[in-house]
Amino acid sequence: MFGNWNWGIFFEQAPFGNTTYLDWLWAGFQVTVALSVCSWILAFILGSLFGILRTVPNRILSAIGTLYVALFRNVPLIVQFFIWYLLVPELLPASIGDWFKGELDPNIQFFIVSVCCLGFFTGARVCEQVRTAILSLPRGQKGAGLALGLTLPQTYRYVLLPNAYRIIIPPLTSEMLNMVKNSAVASTIGLIELSAQANKLLEYSGYAYESFLAVTIAYIIINIVVMRLMKLVEKKTRLPGTFGGE
């Protein structure tokens, strides 16, 4: 079986686009990286915001955070993709919805929808990690901040969140890796990311093993880079005498 593999297929001319099959995979690789980065930024912002809301002494704000987590953690990701793509544009004001559906380039549509879907989905998981980290801190830290004259928002910004983020760097790394893998689901609504390019390569060339082995290696490379970067962040932010410090 191994002797029949044709690794030169990647350098052959694609049937359209004046590119090679390798260029197809490279384009998909770039889309996957861009999608993962943009989605992670959104997820981190949302997760931090709602994680804070779930810990503040206000029942209404806490309930909003709880509702967000319950909604986006309990609905399958693939269902959320179709809700974002088919339903959400219909709920927007008519002028915005018509512009999004009728005038915006379809590839940009797919990308924006995918970023929102992955961002909100992963943000719900980040929210729980931020909440757990804040609640795990000694109560004296919050009290000390308030005793120094800081407002509650300032106490979160300068005292609680810096320590909480240090605690959850490892689980945040896992969420980043999961996001890279979950990005493949975006192909179901039409985004031509890495896995979709592999399917297209298989369809036009007929080389299944080569196509999906190349994609597997590409995902592994992305995840190794993510792990190394987060390991560096963890090392740079470690404080002696604290949880995880030396």
Protein backbone atom coordinates (compact mmCIF):
# COMPACT_ATOMS: atom_id res chain seq x y z
CA MET A 1 0.00 0.00 0.00
CA PHE A 2 2.75 2.46 0.95
CA GLY A 3 4.55 1.90 -2.34
CA ASN A 4 1.55 3.21 -4.29
CA TRP A 5 1.48 6.60 -2.57
CA ASN A 6 2.14 9.57 -4.83
CA TRP A 7 3.62 12.45 -2.86
CA GLY A 8 4.24 14.37 -6.05
CA ILE A 9 0.51 14.99 -6.37
CA PHE A 10 0.86 18.13 -4.26
CA PHE A 11 3.06 19.76 -6.88
CA GLU A 12 0.82 18.91 -9.82
CA GLN A 13 -1.36 21.54 -11.47
CA ALA A 14 -4.84 21.84 -9.99
CA PRO A 15 -7.74 21.59 -12.46
CA PHE A 16 -8.61 25.26 -12.01
CA GLY A 17 -7.25 28.39 -10.40
CA ASN A 18 -3.79 28.24 -12.00
CA THR A 19 -2.36 26.76 -8.78
CA THR A 20 -1.04 23.46 -7.49
CA TYR A 21 -2.73 21.15 -5.02
CA LEU A 22 -0.19 22.28 -2.44
CA ASP A 23 -1.41 25.84 -2.93
CA TRP A 24 -4.92 24.63 -2.12
CA LEU A 25 -3.73 23.14 1.15
CA TRP A 26 -1.71 26.23 1.98
CA ALA A 27 -4.76 28.45 1.41
CA GLY A 28 -6.79 26.21 3.72
CA PHE A 29 -4.01 26.31 6.30
CA GLN A 30 -4.06 30.11 6.30
CA VAL A 31 -7.84 30.22 6.69
CA THR A 32 -7.70 27.75 9.60
CA VAL A 33 -5.03 29.80 11.39
CA ALA A 34 -6.87 33.09 10.81
CA LEU A 35 -10.17 31.57 11.94
CA SER A 36 -8.59 30.10 15.08
CA VAL A 37 -6.84 33.34 16.05
CA CYS A 38 -9.89 35.57 15.51
CA SER A 39 -12.22 33.13 17.25
CA TRP A 40 -9.86 32.82 20.20
CA ILE A 41 -9.68 36.59 20.68
CA LEU A 42 -13.48 36.75 20.73
CA ALA A 43 -13.73 33.72 23.03
CA PHE A 44 -11.22 35.15 25.48
CA ILE A 45 -13.03 38.51 25.65
CA LEU A 46 -16.46 36.92 26.07
CA GLY A 47 -15.20 34.29 28.51
CA SER A 48 -13.52 36.91 30.67
CA LEU A 49 -16.56 39.21 30.63
CA PHE A 50 -19.14 36.57 31.50
CA GLY A 51 -16.76 34.82 33.89
CA ILE A 52 -16.56 38.06 35.86
CA LEU A 53 -20.33 38.51 35.72
CA ARG A 54 -20.81 35.08 37.25
CA THR A 55 -18.78 36.08 40.31
CA VAL A 56 -20.05 39.59 41.03
CA PRO A 57 -22.47 40.13 43.95
CA ASN A 58 -25.38 40.95 41.67
CA ARG A 59 -28.01 38.31 40.94
CA ILE A 60 -29.10 39.81 37.62
CA LEU A 61 -25.58 40.01 36.20
CA SER A 62 -24.76 36.56 37.55
CA ALA A 63 -27.92 35.18 35.93
CA ILE A 64 -26.92 36.69 32.58
CA GLY A 65 -23.58 34.90 32.77
CA THR A 66 -25.25 31.63 33.76
CA LEU A 67 -27.73 31.90 30.86
CA TYR A 68 -24.90 32.47 28.40
CA VAL A 69 -23.03 29.38 29.58
CA ALA A 70 -26.16 27.22 29.62
CA LEU A 71 -27.11 28.27 26.10
CA PHE A 72 -23.79 27.85 24.32
CA ARG A 73 -22.48 24.80 26.20
CA ASN A 74 -25.61 22.66 25.80
CA VAL A 75 -26.22 23.04 22.07
CA PRO A 76 -24.05 20.93 19.70
CA LEU A 77 -21.48 22.97 17.80
CA ILE A 78 -22.67 21.91 14.36
CA VAL A 79 -26.20 23.04 15.24
CA GLN A 80 -24.84 26.40 16.38
CA PHE A 81 -23.07 26.82 13.04
CA PHE A 82 -26.33 26.46 11.13
CA ILE A 83 -28.17 28.73 13.57
CA TRP A 84 -25.56 31.45 13.10
CA TYR A 85 -25.56 31.05 9.32
CA LEU A 86 -29.28 30.57 8.61
CA LEU A 87 -31.15 32.18 11.51
CA VAL A 88 -29.08 35.01 12.98
CA PRO A 89 -28.94 37.09 9.73
CA GLU A 90 -32.75 36.94 9.64
CA LEU A 91 -32.92 38.40 13.15
CA LEU A 92 -30.75 41.40 12.28
CA PRO A 93 -32.26 44.71 11.14
CA ALA A 94 -33.43 44.37 7.53
CA SER A 95 -30.78 46.72 6.11
CA ILE A 96 -27.92 44.88 7.83
CA GLY A 97 -29.34 41.44 7.08
CA ASP A 98 -29.86 42.22 3.39
CA TRP A 99 -26.34 43.66 3.13
CA PHE A 100 -24.83 40.62 4.84
CA LYS A 101 -26.72 38.08 2.71
CA GLY A 102 -26.82 39.91 -0.60
CA GLU A 103 -23.81 42.17 -0.94
CA LEU A 104 -21.07 40.66 1.19
CA ASP A 105 -18.71 38.17 -0.45
CA PRO A 106 -19.82 34.61 0.46
CA ASN A 107 -16.35 33.66 1.70
CA ILE A 108 -16.36 36.63 4.07
CA GLN A 109 -19.85 35.64 5.20
CA PHE A 110 -18.67 32.14 6.02
CA PHE A 111 -15.63 33.48 7.86
CA ILE A 112 -17.56 35.99 9.99
CA VAL A 113 -20.21 33.43 10.90
CA SER A 114 -17.55 30.87 11.79
CA VAL A 115 -15.64 33.34 13.99
CA CYS A 116 -18.83 34.27 15.86
CA CYS A 117 -19.92 30.67 16.29
CA LEU A 118 -16.56 29.35 17.49
CA GLY A 119 -15.97 32.46 19.61
CA PHE A 120 -19.28 32.26 21.47
CA PHE A 121 -19.07 28.47 21.82
CA THR A 122 -15.55 28.45 23.23
CA GLY A 123 -16.19 31.63 25.23
CA ALA A 124 -18.74 29.72 27.32
CA ARG A 125 -16.06 27.23 28.28
CA VAL A 126 -13.52 29.96 29.00
CA CYS A 127 -16.17 31.68 31.13
CA GLU A 128 -16.36 28.68 33.46
CA GLN A 129 -12.59 28.54 33.76
CA VAL A 130 -12.34 32.23 34.61
CA ARG A 131 -15.17 31.92 37.14
CA THR A 132 -13.58 28.90 38.80
CA ALA A 133 -10.18 30.60 38.95
CA ILE A 134 -11.59 33.75 40.54
CA LEU A 135 -13.55 31.77 43.13
CA SER A 136 -10.47 29.68 43.95
CA LEU A 137 -8.49 32.74 45.01
CA PRO A 138 -8.31 33.52 48.74
CA ARG A 139 -11.12 35.85 49.81
CA GLY A 140 -8.56 38.11 51.42
CA GLN A 141 -7.32 39.26 48.01
CA LYS A 142 -10.66 40.86 47.14
CA GLY A 143 -11.02 42.30 50.61
CA ALA A 144 -7.51 43.73 50.54
CA GLY A 145 -8.15 45.44 47.23
CA LEU A 146 -11.34 47.05 48.46
CA ALA A 147 -9.66 48.02 51.74
CA LEU A 148 -6.98 49.87 49.78
CA GLY A 149 -9.65 52.07 48.26
CA LEU A 150 -9.98 50.30 44.90
CA THR A 151 -13.41 50.05 43.35
CA LEU A 152 -14.80 46.61 42.58
CA PRO A 153 -13.90 46.86 38.85
CA GLN A 154 -10.39 48.01 39.79
CA THR A 155 -10.05 45.11 42.24
CA TYR A 156 -10.92 42.68 39.45
CA ARG A 157 -8.57 44.37 37.00
CA TYR A 158 -5.50 44.80 39.19
CA VAL A 159 -5.84 42.04 41.80
CA LEU A 160 -8.13 39.15 40.93
CA LEU A 161 -7.84 38.70 37.16
CA PRO A 162 -4.00 38.74 36.93
CA ASN A 163 -3.84 35.91 39.48
CA ALA A 164 -6.81 34.05 37.99
CA TYR A 165 -5.34 34.04 34.48
CA ARG A 166 -2.08 32.57 35.78
CA ILE A 167 -4.01 29.66 37.26
CA ILE A 168 -5.94 28.79 34.09
CA ILE A 169 -3.18 28.99 31.47
CA PRO A 170 -3.05 25.15 31.10
CA PRO A 171 -6.84 24.75 30.56
CA LEU A 172 -6.84 27.78 28.26
CA THR A 173 -4.19 26.02 26.20
CA SER A 174 -6.49 23.00 25.90
CA GLU A 175 -9.33 25.24 24.75
CA MET A 176 -7.11 26.79 22.09
CA LEU A 177 -6.21 23.33 20.81
CA ASN A 178 -9.87 22.31 20.79
CA MET A 179 -10.72 25.45 18.84
CA VAL A 180 -8.22 24.58 16.12
CA LYS A 181 -9.81 21.14 15.80
CA ASN A 182 -13.37 22.50 15.99
CA SER A 183 -12.58 24.88 13.13
CA ALA A 184 -13.01 21.91 10.78
CA VAL A 185 -16.77 22.01 11.47
CA ALA A 186 -16.89 25.36 9.65
CA SER A 187 -16.67 23.43 6.38
CA THR A 188 -20.31 22.38 6.90
CA ILE A 189 -21.52 25.91 6.08
CA GLY A 190 -19.11 26.38 3.17
CA LEU A 191 -15.90 27.83 4.61
CA ILE A 192 -12.95 26.43 2.66
CA GLU A 193 -10.54 25.81 5.52
CA LEU A 194 -7.93 23.07 5.85
CA SER A 195 -10.17 20.02 6.04
CA ALA A 196 -12.41 21.33 3.25
CA GLN A 197 -9.37 21.79 1.02
CA ALA A 198 -8.35 18.20 1.75
CA ASN A 199 -11.79 17.00 0.67
CA LYS A 200 -11.52 19.08 -2.50
CA LEU A 201 -8.08 17.66 -3.21
CA LEU A 202 -9.44 14.14 -2.75
CA GLU A 203 -12.38 14.86 -5.01
CA TYR A 204 -10.25 16.14 -7.89
CA SER A 205 -7.13 13.97 -7.51
CA GLY A 206 -8.42 10.76 -5.93
CA TYR A 207 -5.48 10.53 -3.51
CA ALA A 208 -7.11 10.02 -0.11
CA TYR A 209 -4.14 8.90 1.98
CA GLU A 210 -1.86 11.70 0.83
CA SER A 211 -4.55 14.37 1.24
CA PHE A 212 -5.57 13.56 4.78
CA LEU A 213 -2.10 12.67 6.00
CA ALA A 214 -0.94 16.12 4.87
CA VAL A 215 -3.86 17.73 6.69
CA THR A 216 -3.12 15.71 9.83
CA ILE A 217 0.47 16.93 9.80
CA ALA A 218 -0.73 20.52 9.30
CA TYR A 219 -3.04 20.32 12.34
CA ILE A 220 -0.24 18.81 14.42
CA ILE A 221 2.09 21.67 13.42
CA ILE A 222 -0.50 24.29 14.42
CA ASN A 223 -1.11 22.62 17.77
CA ILE A 224 2.59 22.25 18.53
CA VAL A 225 3.08 25.98 17.88
CA VAL A 226 0.14 26.80 20.15
CA MET A 227 1.49 24.60 22.95
CA ARG A 228 4.96 26.09 22.70
CA LEU A 229 3.63 29.65 22.74
CA MET A 230 1.38 28.98 25.74
CA LYS A 231 4.23 27.25 27.55
CA LEU A 232 6.29 30.40 27.02
CA VAL A 233 3.42 32.56 28.32
CA GLU A 234 3.09 30.34 31.37
CA LYS A 235 6.81 30.60 32.06
CA LYS A 236 6.87 34.38 31.65
CA THR A 237 3.87 34.99 33.90
CA ARG A 238 4.79 32.53 36.66
CA LEU A 239 5.23 34.08 40.10
CA PRO A 240 7.33 32.35 42.79
CA GLY A 241 5.29 31.37 45.79
CA THR A 242 1.98 31.26 43.92
CA PHE A 243 -0.01 28.37 42.46
CA GLY A 244 2.12 26.87 39.70
CA GLY A 245 5.12 29.02 40.60
CA GLU A 246 8.52 27.80 41.53
